[in-house]
N, C-alpha and C. Protein backbone atom coordinates (compact mmCIF):
# COMPACT_ATOMS: atom_id res chain seq x y z
N UNK A 1 0.84 -1.18 0.00
CA UNK A 1 0.00 0.00 0.00
C UNK A 1 0.87 1.23 0.00
N UNK A 2 0.36 2.31 -0.54
CA UNK A 2 1.06 3.58 -0.44
C UNK A 2 1.16 3.94 1.01
N UNK A 3 2.22 4.71 1.38
CA UNK A 3 2.33 5.03 2.79
C UNK A 3 1.18 5.92 3.24
N UNK A 4 0.89 5.89 4.56
CA UNK A 4 -0.30 6.55 5.10
C UNK A 4 -0.29 8.06 4.88
N UNK A 5 0.92 8.67 4.78
CA UNK A 5 0.97 10.12 4.61
C UNK A 5 0.58 10.53 3.19
N UNK A 6 0.50 9.59 2.30
CA UNK A 6 0.19 9.87 0.91
C UNK A 6 -1.31 9.68 0.69
N UNK A 7 -1.98 10.71 0.25
CA UNK A 7 -3.42 10.63 0.09
C UNK A 7 -3.82 9.95 -1.22
N UNK A 8 -5.00 9.39 -1.18
CA UNK A 8 -5.57 8.78 -2.39
C UNK A 8 -5.69 9.84 -3.49
N UNK A 9 -6.15 11.04 -3.09
CA UNK A 9 -6.31 12.13 -4.06
C UNK A 9 -4.97 12.47 -4.72
N UNK A 10 -3.90 12.51 -3.93
CA UNK A 10 -2.59 12.84 -4.49
C UNK A 10 -2.11 11.75 -5.44
N UNK A 11 -2.36 10.49 -5.10
CA UNK A 11 -2.00 9.41 -6.01
C UNK A 11 -2.75 9.53 -7.33
N UNK A 12 -4.03 9.90 -7.27
CA UNK A 12 -4.82 10.08 -8.49
C UNK A 12 -4.24 11.25 -9.31
N UNK A 13 -3.92 12.35 -8.65
CA UNK A 13 -3.33 13.49 -9.37
C UNK A 13 -2.01 13.12 -10.02
N UNK A 14 -1.18 12.37 -9.30
CA UNK A 14 0.11 11.94 -9.87
C UNK A 14 -0.09 11.03 -11.07
N UNK A 15 -1.03 10.10 -10.96
CA UNK A 15 -1.32 9.18 -12.06
C UNK A 15 -1.92 9.94 -13.24
N UNK A 16 -2.71 10.94 -12.95
CA UNK A 16 -3.35 11.74 -13.98
C UNK A 16 -2.32 12.44 -14.85
N UNK A 17 -1.31 13.03 -14.22
CA UNK A 17 -0.25 13.71 -14.97
C UNK A 17 -0.65 15.11 -15.40
N UNK A 18 0.35 15.88 -15.77
CA UNK A 18 0.14 17.28 -16.13
C UNK A 18 -0.71 17.46 -17.39
N UNK A 19 -0.49 16.62 -18.40
CA UNK A 19 -1.23 16.78 -19.65
C UNK A 19 -2.73 16.57 -19.46
N UNK A 20 -3.08 15.51 -18.76
CA UNK A 20 -4.51 15.24 -18.55
C UNK A 20 -5.11 16.24 -17.57
N UNK A 21 -4.32 16.71 -16.61
CA UNK A 21 -4.80 17.75 -15.70
C UNK A 21 -5.09 19.03 -16.48
N UNK A 22 -4.23 19.37 -17.43
CA UNK A 22 -4.46 20.54 -18.28
C UNK A 22 -5.71 20.36 -19.14
N UNK A 23 -5.94 19.12 -19.60
CA UNK A 23 -7.14 18.83 -20.37
C UNK A 23 -8.39 19.06 -19.52
N UNK A 24 -8.34 18.63 -18.27
CA UNK A 24 -9.47 18.85 -17.35
C UNK A 24 -9.62 20.34 -17.07
N UNK A 25 -8.51 21.04 -16.89
CA UNK A 25 -8.56 22.49 -16.66
C UNK A 25 -9.24 23.19 -17.83
N UNK A 26 -8.92 22.77 -19.05
CA UNK A 26 -9.56 23.34 -20.23
C UNK A 26 -11.05 23.07 -20.26
N UNK A 27 -11.43 21.87 -19.91
CA UNK A 27 -12.84 21.51 -19.87
C UNK A 27 -13.60 22.35 -18.85
N UNK A 28 -12.92 22.61 -17.72
CA UNK A 28 -13.55 23.39 -16.64
C UNK A 28 -13.44 24.89 -16.85
N UNK A 29 -12.57 25.30 -17.77
CA UNK A 29 -12.35 26.73 -17.99
C UNK A 29 -11.59 27.37 -16.84
N UNK A 30 -10.59 26.66 -16.31
CA UNK A 30 -9.81 27.14 -15.18
C UNK A 30 -8.34 26.81 -15.40
N UNK A 31 -7.53 27.08 -14.39
CA UNK A 31 -6.11 26.75 -14.46
C UNK A 31 -5.87 25.39 -13.80
N UNK A 32 -4.60 24.97 -13.77
CA UNK A 32 -4.25 23.67 -13.20
C UNK A 32 -4.63 23.58 -11.72
N UNK A 33 -4.47 24.66 -10.99
CA UNK A 33 -4.80 24.67 -9.57
C UNK A 33 -6.30 24.45 -9.37
N UNK A 34 -7.10 25.13 -10.16
CA UNK A 34 -8.55 24.95 -10.08
C UNK A 34 -8.96 23.54 -10.46
N UNK A 35 -8.29 22.98 -11.47
CA UNK A 35 -8.58 21.61 -11.89
C UNK A 35 -8.20 20.63 -10.77
N UNK A 36 -7.06 20.88 -10.11
CA UNK A 36 -6.65 20.03 -8.98
C UNK A 36 -7.70 20.04 -7.88
N UNK A 37 -8.24 21.21 -7.60
CA UNK A 37 -9.27 21.32 -6.56
C UNK A 37 -10.51 20.49 -6.93
N UNK A 38 -10.94 20.59 -8.19
CA UNK A 38 -12.13 19.85 -8.63
C UNK A 38 -11.83 18.35 -8.62
N UNK A 39 -10.65 17.96 -9.08
CA UNK A 39 -10.28 16.55 -9.07
C UNK A 39 -10.26 16.03 -7.63
N UNK A 40 -9.66 16.78 -6.73
CA UNK A 40 -9.61 16.37 -5.33
C UNK A 40 -10.99 16.22 -4.73
N UNK A 41 -11.87 17.18 -4.99
CA UNK A 41 -13.24 17.11 -4.49
C UNK A 41 -13.97 15.91 -5.07
N UNK A 42 -13.78 15.67 -6.35
CA UNK A 42 -14.45 14.57 -7.03
C UNK A 42 -13.95 13.22 -6.52
N UNK A 43 -12.63 13.09 -6.41
CA UNK A 43 -12.06 11.83 -5.94
C UNK A 43 -12.47 11.57 -4.49
N UNK A 44 -12.51 12.60 -3.69
CA UNK A 44 -12.94 12.46 -2.30
C UNK A 44 -14.39 11.97 -2.24
N UNK A 45 -15.24 12.54 -3.09
CA UNK A 45 -16.65 12.12 -3.12
C UNK A 45 -16.77 10.67 -3.60
N UNK A 46 -16.01 10.28 -4.62
CA UNK A 46 -16.04 8.90 -5.11
C UNK A 46 -15.58 7.93 -4.03
N UNK A 47 -14.48 8.27 -3.35
CA UNK A 47 -13.97 7.35 -2.33
C UNK A 47 -14.94 7.27 -1.15
N UNK A 48 -15.58 8.38 -0.80
CA UNK A 48 -16.58 8.35 0.27
C UNK A 48 -17.76 7.48 -0.10
N UNK A 49 -18.20 7.55 -1.35
CA UNK A 49 -19.30 6.71 -1.80
C UNK A 49 -18.91 5.24 -1.80
N UNK A 50 -17.67 4.94 -2.21
CA UNK A 50 -17.19 3.56 -2.17
C UNK A 50 -17.19 3.03 -0.74
N UNK A 51 -16.71 3.84 0.19
CA UNK A 51 -16.69 3.42 1.59
C UNK A 51 -18.09 3.22 2.12
N UNK A 52 -19.01 4.10 1.73
CA UNK A 52 -20.40 3.95 2.15
C UNK A 52 -21.02 2.69 1.59
N UNK A 53 -20.71 2.40 0.34
CA UNK A 53 -21.24 1.18 -0.29
C UNK A 53 -20.68 -0.06 0.40
N UNK A 54 -19.42 -0.02 0.77
CA UNK A 54 -18.79 -1.16 1.45
C UNK A 54 -19.38 -1.36 2.84
N UNK A 55 -19.81 -0.30 3.49
CA UNK A 55 -20.38 -0.39 4.83
C UNK A 55 -21.80 -0.95 4.80
N UNK A 56 -22.47 -0.83 3.65
CA UNK A 56 -23.83 -1.33 3.50
C UNK A 56 -23.77 -2.82 3.15
N UNK A 57 -24.41 -3.68 3.97
CA UNK A 57 -24.34 -5.11 3.68
C UNK A 57 -24.76 -5.49 2.26
N UNK A 58 -25.70 -4.76 1.70
CA UNK A 58 -26.16 -5.06 0.35
C UNK A 58 -25.11 -4.73 -0.70
N UNK A 59 -24.27 -3.74 -0.45
CA UNK A 59 -23.26 -3.33 -1.43
C UNK A 59 -21.89 -3.91 -1.18
N UNK A 60 -21.67 -4.48 0.00
CA UNK A 60 -20.34 -4.97 0.37
C UNK A 60 -19.83 -6.07 -0.56
N UNK A 61 -20.71 -7.00 -0.94
CA UNK A 61 -20.28 -8.08 -1.82
C UNK A 61 -19.85 -7.54 -3.18
N UNK A 62 -20.60 -6.56 -3.70
CA UNK A 62 -20.25 -5.97 -4.99
C UNK A 62 -18.89 -5.29 -4.91
N UNK A 63 -18.64 -4.56 -3.83
CA UNK A 63 -17.36 -3.88 -3.65
C UNK A 63 -16.24 -4.91 -3.51
N UNK A 64 -16.46 -5.95 -2.73
CA UNK A 64 -15.45 -6.99 -2.53
C UNK A 64 -15.09 -7.64 -3.87
N UNK A 65 -16.09 -8.00 -4.66
CA UNK A 65 -15.84 -8.63 -5.96
C UNK A 65 -15.13 -7.67 -6.91
N UNK A 66 -15.52 -6.41 -6.88
CA UNK A 66 -14.89 -5.42 -7.75
C UNK A 66 -13.42 -5.24 -7.39
N UNK A 67 -13.10 -5.20 -6.09
CA UNK A 67 -11.71 -5.06 -5.68
C UNK A 67 -10.90 -6.30 -6.03
N UNK A 68 -11.49 -7.47 -5.88
CA UNK A 68 -10.79 -8.70 -6.24
C UNK A 68 -10.45 -8.70 -7.73
N UNK A 69 -11.39 -8.24 -8.54
CA UNK A 69 -11.16 -8.16 -9.98
C UNK A 69 -10.09 -7.11 -10.30
N UNK A 70 -10.15 -5.97 -9.60
CA UNK A 70 -9.15 -4.92 -9.83
C UNK A 70 -7.75 -5.40 -9.46
N UNK A 71 -7.64 -6.18 -8.38
CA UNK A 71 -6.35 -6.75 -7.98
C UNK A 71 -5.83 -7.68 -9.07
N UNK A 72 -6.72 -8.49 -9.63
CA UNK A 72 -6.31 -9.44 -10.67
C UNK A 72 -5.79 -8.70 -11.90
N UNK A 73 -6.44 -7.59 -12.26
CA UNK A 73 -5.98 -6.80 -13.40
C UNK A 73 -4.60 -6.22 -13.11
N UNK A 74 -4.40 -5.72 -11.88
CA UNK A 74 -3.10 -5.13 -11.52
C UNK A 74 -2.01 -6.19 -11.52
N UNK A 75 -2.34 -7.42 -11.09
CA UNK A 75 -1.34 -8.48 -11.02
C UNK A 75 -1.02 -9.08 -12.38
N UNK A 76 -1.89 -8.86 -13.38
CA UNK A 76 -1.66 -9.40 -14.71
C UNK A 76 -0.44 -8.72 -15.33
N UNK A 77 0.35 -9.47 -16.11
CA UNK A 77 1.53 -8.86 -16.73
C UNK A 77 1.12 -7.76 -17.70
N UNK A 78 1.87 -6.69 -17.68
CA UNK A 78 1.62 -5.56 -18.58
C UNK A 78 2.26 -5.86 -19.94
N UNK A 79 1.81 -5.14 -20.96
CA UNK A 79 2.29 -5.37 -22.32
C UNK A 79 3.80 -5.16 -22.44
N UNK A 80 4.32 -4.11 -21.85
CA UNK A 80 5.75 -3.82 -21.94
C UNK A 80 6.28 -3.52 -20.54
N UNK A 81 7.06 -4.43 -19.96
CA UNK A 81 7.52 -4.24 -18.58
C UNK A 81 8.28 -2.95 -18.35
N UNK A 82 8.92 -2.38 -19.34
CA UNK A 82 9.69 -1.16 -19.16
C UNK A 82 8.85 0.11 -19.17
N UNK A 83 7.58 0.01 -19.51
CA UNK A 83 6.71 1.18 -19.60
C UNK A 83 6.11 1.49 -18.24
N UNK A 84 6.84 2.14 -17.36
CA UNK A 84 6.36 2.43 -16.03
C UNK A 84 5.42 3.63 -15.96
N UNK A 85 5.63 4.74 -16.70
CA UNK A 85 4.71 5.87 -16.57
C UNK A 85 3.30 5.49 -17.01
N UNK A 86 2.34 5.82 -16.17
CA UNK A 86 0.93 5.57 -16.43
C UNK A 86 0.64 4.12 -16.74
N UNK A 87 1.38 3.22 -16.12
CA UNK A 87 1.20 1.79 -16.36
C UNK A 87 -0.23 1.37 -16.06
N UNK A 88 -0.78 1.82 -14.96
CA UNK A 88 -2.14 1.43 -14.59
C UNK A 88 -3.17 1.97 -15.55
N UNK A 89 -3.01 3.22 -15.95
CA UNK A 89 -3.94 3.82 -16.91
C UNK A 89 -3.87 3.07 -18.22
N UNK A 90 -2.67 2.74 -18.66
CA UNK A 90 -2.50 2.02 -19.91
C UNK A 90 -3.17 0.65 -19.83
N UNK A 91 -3.10 0.03 -18.66
CA UNK A 91 -3.70 -1.29 -18.50
C UNK A 91 -5.22 -1.22 -18.71
N UNK A 92 -5.84 -0.13 -18.27
CA UNK A 92 -7.27 -0.01 -18.43
C UNK A 92 -7.67 0.60 -19.76
N UNK A 93 -6.82 1.41 -20.34
CA UNK A 93 -7.17 2.09 -21.58
C UNK A 93 -6.79 1.31 -22.82
N UNK A 94 -5.85 0.40 -22.71
CA UNK A 94 -5.31 -0.28 -23.87
C UNK A 94 -6.26 -1.26 -24.52
N UNK A 95 -6.92 -2.08 -23.76
CA UNK A 95 -7.76 -3.12 -24.32
C UNK A 95 -9.21 -2.89 -23.94
N UNK A 96 -9.86 -2.03 -24.65
CA UNK A 96 -11.28 -1.82 -24.43
C UNK A 96 -11.63 -0.74 -23.43
N UNK A 97 -10.68 0.06 -23.05
CA UNK A 97 -10.96 1.19 -22.16
C UNK A 97 -11.58 0.77 -20.86
N UNK A 98 -12.72 1.36 -20.53
CA UNK A 98 -13.35 1.08 -19.25
C UNK A 98 -13.84 -0.34 -19.13
N UNK A 99 -14.07 -1.01 -20.26
CA UNK A 99 -14.50 -2.40 -20.19
C UNK A 99 -13.47 -3.25 -19.48
N UNK A 100 -12.21 -2.91 -19.61
CA UNK A 100 -11.14 -3.66 -18.96
C UNK A 100 -11.22 -3.49 -17.44
N UNK A 101 -11.85 -2.44 -16.96
CA UNK A 101 -11.99 -2.23 -15.53
C UNK A 101 -13.08 -3.08 -14.92
N UNK A 102 -13.92 -3.67 -15.73
CA UNK A 102 -14.93 -4.61 -15.28
C UNK A 102 -15.89 -4.05 -14.25
N UNK A 103 -16.05 -4.82 -13.17
CA UNK A 103 -17.03 -4.48 -12.15
C UNK A 103 -16.74 -3.14 -11.48
N UNK A 104 -15.48 -2.87 -11.18
CA UNK A 104 -15.14 -1.61 -10.51
C UNK A 104 -15.50 -0.43 -11.40
N UNK A 105 -15.21 -0.56 -12.68
CA UNK A 105 -15.56 0.49 -13.62
C UNK A 105 -17.07 0.73 -13.65
N UNK A 106 -17.82 -0.36 -13.67
CA UNK A 106 -19.27 -0.26 -13.68
C UNK A 106 -19.80 0.38 -12.41
N UNK A 107 -19.19 0.01 -11.28
CA UNK A 107 -19.62 0.58 -10.00
C UNK A 107 -19.33 2.08 -9.97
N UNK A 108 -18.14 2.47 -10.41
CA UNK A 108 -17.80 3.90 -10.44
C UNK A 108 -18.71 4.65 -11.41
N UNK A 109 -19.03 4.03 -12.53
CA UNK A 109 -19.92 4.67 -13.50
C UNK A 109 -21.31 4.89 -12.90
N UNK A 110 -21.82 3.90 -12.14
CA UNK A 110 -23.12 4.05 -11.48
C UNK A 110 -23.09 5.17 -10.45
N UNK A 111 -21.95 5.33 -9.81
CA UNK A 111 -21.83 6.36 -8.77
C UNK A 111 -21.60 7.75 -9.37
N UNK A 112 -21.28 7.82 -10.65
CA UNK A 112 -20.87 9.11 -11.23
C UNK A 112 -21.96 10.18 -11.19
N UNK A 113 -23.20 9.82 -11.42
CA UNK A 113 -24.27 10.83 -11.43
C UNK A 113 -24.47 11.47 -10.06
N UNK A 114 -24.66 10.67 -8.98
CA UNK A 114 -24.82 11.31 -7.67
C UNK A 114 -23.56 12.08 -7.24
N UNK A 115 -22.39 11.56 -7.59
CA UNK A 115 -21.15 12.27 -7.25
C UNK A 115 -21.08 13.57 -8.03
N UNK A 116 -21.40 13.53 -9.31
CA UNK A 116 -21.39 14.74 -10.13
C UNK A 116 -22.34 15.79 -9.56
N UNK A 117 -23.52 15.35 -9.15
CA UNK A 117 -24.48 16.30 -8.57
C UNK A 117 -23.96 16.91 -7.27
N UNK A 118 -23.34 16.09 -6.43
CA UNK A 118 -22.80 16.59 -5.16
C UNK A 118 -21.65 17.56 -5.40
N UNK A 119 -20.75 17.22 -6.33
CA UNK A 119 -19.62 18.10 -6.64
C UNK A 119 -20.12 19.39 -7.29
N UNK A 120 -21.11 19.28 -8.16
CA UNK A 120 -21.68 20.47 -8.80
C UNK A 120 -22.29 21.41 -7.76
N UNK A 121 -22.99 20.83 -6.82
CA UNK A 121 -23.61 21.63 -5.76
C UNK A 121 -22.53 22.34 -4.93
N UNK A 122 -21.45 21.63 -4.64
CA UNK A 122 -20.39 22.18 -3.81
C UNK A 122 -19.55 23.24 -4.55
N UNK A 123 -19.34 23.02 -5.85
CA UNK A 123 -18.42 23.90 -6.60
C UNK A 123 -19.11 24.92 -7.48
N UNK A 124 -20.38 24.70 -7.82
CA UNK A 124 -21.07 25.59 -8.75
C UNK A 124 -20.81 25.26 -10.21
N UNK A 125 -20.05 24.23 -10.47
CA UNK A 125 -19.78 23.78 -11.85
C UNK A 125 -20.97 22.94 -12.30
N UNK A 126 -21.42 23.10 -13.55
CA UNK A 126 -22.56 22.30 -14.02
C UNK A 126 -22.30 20.80 -13.88
N UNK A 127 -23.33 20.06 -13.49
CA UNK A 127 -23.20 18.62 -13.27
C UNK A 127 -22.73 17.90 -14.53
N UNK A 128 -23.17 18.36 -15.70
CA UNK A 128 -22.74 17.73 -16.95
C UNK A 128 -21.23 17.84 -17.14
N UNK A 129 -20.67 18.97 -16.76
CA UNK A 129 -19.22 19.17 -16.87
C UNK A 129 -18.49 18.28 -15.87
N UNK A 130 -19.01 18.21 -14.66
CA UNK A 130 -18.40 17.35 -13.64
C UNK A 130 -18.47 15.89 -14.10
N UNK A 131 -19.57 15.51 -14.72
CA UNK A 131 -19.71 14.14 -15.24
C UNK A 131 -18.61 13.85 -16.26
N UNK A 132 -18.31 14.80 -17.12
CA UNK A 132 -17.22 14.61 -18.10
C UNK A 132 -15.88 14.44 -17.39
N UNK A 133 -15.66 15.22 -16.35
CA UNK A 133 -14.43 15.08 -15.56
C UNK A 133 -14.36 13.68 -14.95
N UNK A 134 -15.47 13.22 -14.40
CA UNK A 134 -15.50 11.88 -13.80
C UNK A 134 -15.19 10.82 -14.85
N UNK A 135 -15.74 10.97 -16.04
CA UNK A 135 -15.45 10.03 -17.12
C UNK A 135 -13.95 9.98 -17.42
N UNK A 136 -13.30 11.12 -17.35
CA UNK A 136 -11.86 11.17 -17.57
C UNK A 136 -11.09 10.57 -16.39
N UNK A 137 -11.66 10.67 -15.20
CA UNK A 137 -10.97 10.19 -14.00
C UNK A 137 -11.13 8.70 -13.74
N UNK A 138 -12.20 8.09 -14.23
CA UNK A 138 -12.46 6.69 -13.90
C UNK A 138 -11.28 5.78 -14.21
N UNK A 139 -10.66 5.83 -15.41
CA UNK A 139 -9.53 4.92 -15.64
C UNK A 139 -8.35 5.20 -14.69
N UNK A 140 -8.18 6.45 -14.33
CA UNK A 140 -7.09 6.82 -13.42
C UNK A 140 -7.39 6.30 -12.02
N UNK A 141 -8.62 6.50 -11.56
CA UNK A 141 -9.03 6.01 -10.24
C UNK A 141 -8.92 4.49 -10.20
N UNK A 142 -9.32 3.81 -11.27
CA UNK A 142 -9.20 2.36 -11.34
C UNK A 142 -7.74 1.92 -11.19
N UNK A 143 -6.85 2.61 -11.87
CA UNK A 143 -5.43 2.26 -11.79
C UNK A 143 -4.90 2.42 -10.37
N UNK A 144 -5.23 3.53 -9.73
CA UNK A 144 -4.75 3.78 -8.38
C UNK A 144 -5.38 2.79 -7.40
N UNK A 145 -6.69 2.54 -7.52
CA UNK A 145 -7.35 1.59 -6.63
C UNK A 145 -6.75 0.19 -6.76
N UNK A 146 -6.52 -0.24 -7.99
CA UNK A 146 -5.99 -1.59 -8.17
C UNK A 146 -4.57 -1.70 -7.63
N UNK A 147 -3.77 -0.67 -7.82
CA UNK A 147 -2.41 -0.68 -7.30
C UNK A 147 -2.42 -0.68 -5.76
N UNK A 148 -3.29 0.15 -5.18
CA UNK A 148 -3.39 0.20 -3.71
C UNK A 148 -3.95 -1.09 -3.15
N UNK A 149 -4.93 -1.69 -3.83
CA UNK A 149 -5.50 -2.96 -3.37
C UNK A 149 -4.44 -4.06 -3.40
N UNK A 150 -3.67 -4.12 -4.47
CA UNK A 150 -2.60 -5.11 -4.56
C UNK A 150 -1.54 -4.85 -3.49
N UNK A 151 -1.23 -3.59 -3.23
CA UNK A 151 -0.26 -3.24 -2.20
C UNK A 151 -0.76 -3.58 -0.81
N UNK A 152 -2.04 -3.36 -0.55
CA UNK A 152 -2.62 -3.68 0.75
C UNK A 152 -2.60 -5.19 0.95
N UNK A 153 -2.90 -5.91 -0.10
CA UNK A 153 -2.89 -7.37 -0.02
C UNK A 153 -1.47 -7.86 0.22
N UNK A 154 -0.50 -7.33 -0.49
CA UNK A 154 0.90 -7.74 -0.34
C UNK A 154 1.44 -7.35 1.03
N UNK A 155 0.94 -6.23 1.56
CA UNK A 155 1.39 -5.76 2.86
C UNK A 155 0.75 -6.49 4.02
N UNK A 156 -0.13 -7.44 3.71
CA UNK A 156 -0.74 -8.24 4.76
C UNK A 156 -1.94 -7.57 5.40
N UNK A 157 -2.56 -6.60 4.72
CA UNK A 157 -3.71 -5.92 5.30
C UNK A 157 -4.83 -6.90 5.60
N UNK A 158 -5.12 -7.76 4.66
CA UNK A 158 -6.10 -8.82 4.87
C UNK A 158 -6.00 -9.76 3.69
N UNK A 159 -6.05 -11.05 3.91
CA UNK A 159 -6.01 -11.98 2.80
C UNK A 159 -7.23 -11.79 1.91
N UNK A 160 -7.06 -12.05 0.63
CA UNK A 160 -8.15 -11.91 -0.32
C UNK A 160 -9.34 -12.75 0.13
N UNK A 161 -10.48 -12.11 0.22
CA UNK A 161 -11.70 -12.80 0.59
C UNK A 161 -11.90 -12.96 2.09
N UNK A 162 -10.89 -12.63 2.90
CA UNK A 162 -11.04 -12.76 4.34
C UNK A 162 -11.45 -11.44 4.95
N UNK A 163 -12.30 -11.50 5.92
CA UNK A 163 -12.75 -10.28 6.58
C UNK A 163 -12.08 -10.17 7.94
N UNK A 164 -11.63 -8.98 8.25
CA UNK A 164 -11.07 -8.74 9.58
C UNK A 164 -12.22 -8.75 10.57
N UNK A 165 -11.99 -9.13 11.81
CA UNK A 165 -13.09 -9.25 12.76
C UNK A 165 -13.86 -7.97 12.99
N UNK A 166 -13.19 -6.83 13.02
CA UNK A 166 -13.90 -5.60 13.37
C UNK A 166 -14.68 -5.03 12.20
N UNK A 167 -14.00 -4.60 11.14
CA UNK A 167 -14.70 -3.93 10.07
C UNK A 167 -14.59 -4.62 8.74
N UNK A 168 -13.71 -5.58 8.61
CA UNK A 168 -13.57 -6.35 7.39
C UNK A 168 -13.28 -5.50 6.18
N UNK A 169 -14.17 -5.58 5.21
CA UNK A 169 -14.00 -4.87 3.96
C UNK A 169 -13.90 -3.37 4.18
N UNK A 170 -14.67 -2.84 5.09
CA UNK A 170 -14.62 -1.41 5.38
C UNK A 170 -13.24 -0.98 5.85
N UNK A 171 -12.62 -1.79 6.71
CA UNK A 171 -11.26 -1.48 7.18
C UNK A 171 -10.27 -1.54 6.03
N UNK A 172 -10.35 -2.60 5.21
CA UNK A 172 -9.44 -2.73 4.08
C UNK A 172 -9.64 -1.58 3.11
N UNK A 173 -10.89 -1.24 2.83
CA UNK A 173 -11.17 -0.14 1.92
C UNK A 173 -10.65 1.17 2.49
N UNK A 174 -10.79 1.35 3.80
CA UNK A 174 -10.23 2.54 4.45
C UNK A 174 -8.74 2.62 4.26
N UNK A 175 -8.04 1.49 4.36
CA UNK A 175 -6.61 1.48 4.13
C UNK A 175 -6.28 1.83 2.69
N UNK A 176 -7.00 1.23 1.75
CA UNK A 176 -6.73 1.46 0.32
C UNK A 176 -6.98 2.90 -0.06
N UNK A 177 -8.06 3.47 0.45
CA UNK A 177 -8.42 4.83 0.08
C UNK A 177 -7.76 5.88 0.98
N UNK A 178 -7.05 5.43 1.98
CA UNK A 178 -6.36 6.37 2.85
C UNK A 178 -7.23 6.94 3.95
N UNK A 179 -8.39 6.33 4.20
CA UNK A 179 -9.30 6.83 5.21
C UNK A 179 -8.99 6.34 6.60
N UNK A 180 -8.13 5.34 6.72
CA UNK A 180 -7.80 4.82 8.04
C UNK A 180 -6.79 5.72 8.71
N UNK A 181 -7.07 6.14 9.92
CA UNK A 181 -6.18 7.04 10.64
C UNK A 181 -5.41 6.27 11.69
């Protein structure tokens, strides 16, 4: 897992890169700093919704399955081992785009409308514009989530499919998203 001092939002921004951040800034009609703020707000809302879904018994199985699938994608060999920059994004964008993200991609897509509405309300940016930003962020969020999930698993956070006695999936998800203090 990424170290605790490193936020999920910062990992997403790093994975996003300057070029894509500038693309989002152009879409929003702002500068890179303004785009960073919107990305941070959006990623925070997405991660909060994921944690909420994991806490709900009805959504926990879907989240667990989606993370297991995301881990499998991250563990699969990449096309070119030397291509380290944006490796995770390339893994999701190369073969079918969001389809390669499978269940996690579908879950994030389902969450995009309520998240877009919440971010729009908070920022004053039209929900349709925020939705476009979310569409651009989903492959990046998938890459970071899968890398963090694989790191949490490797770090012994919890064995795949095993629940910790106290919070189980919620605790693991908190670790992956950086919500655990």
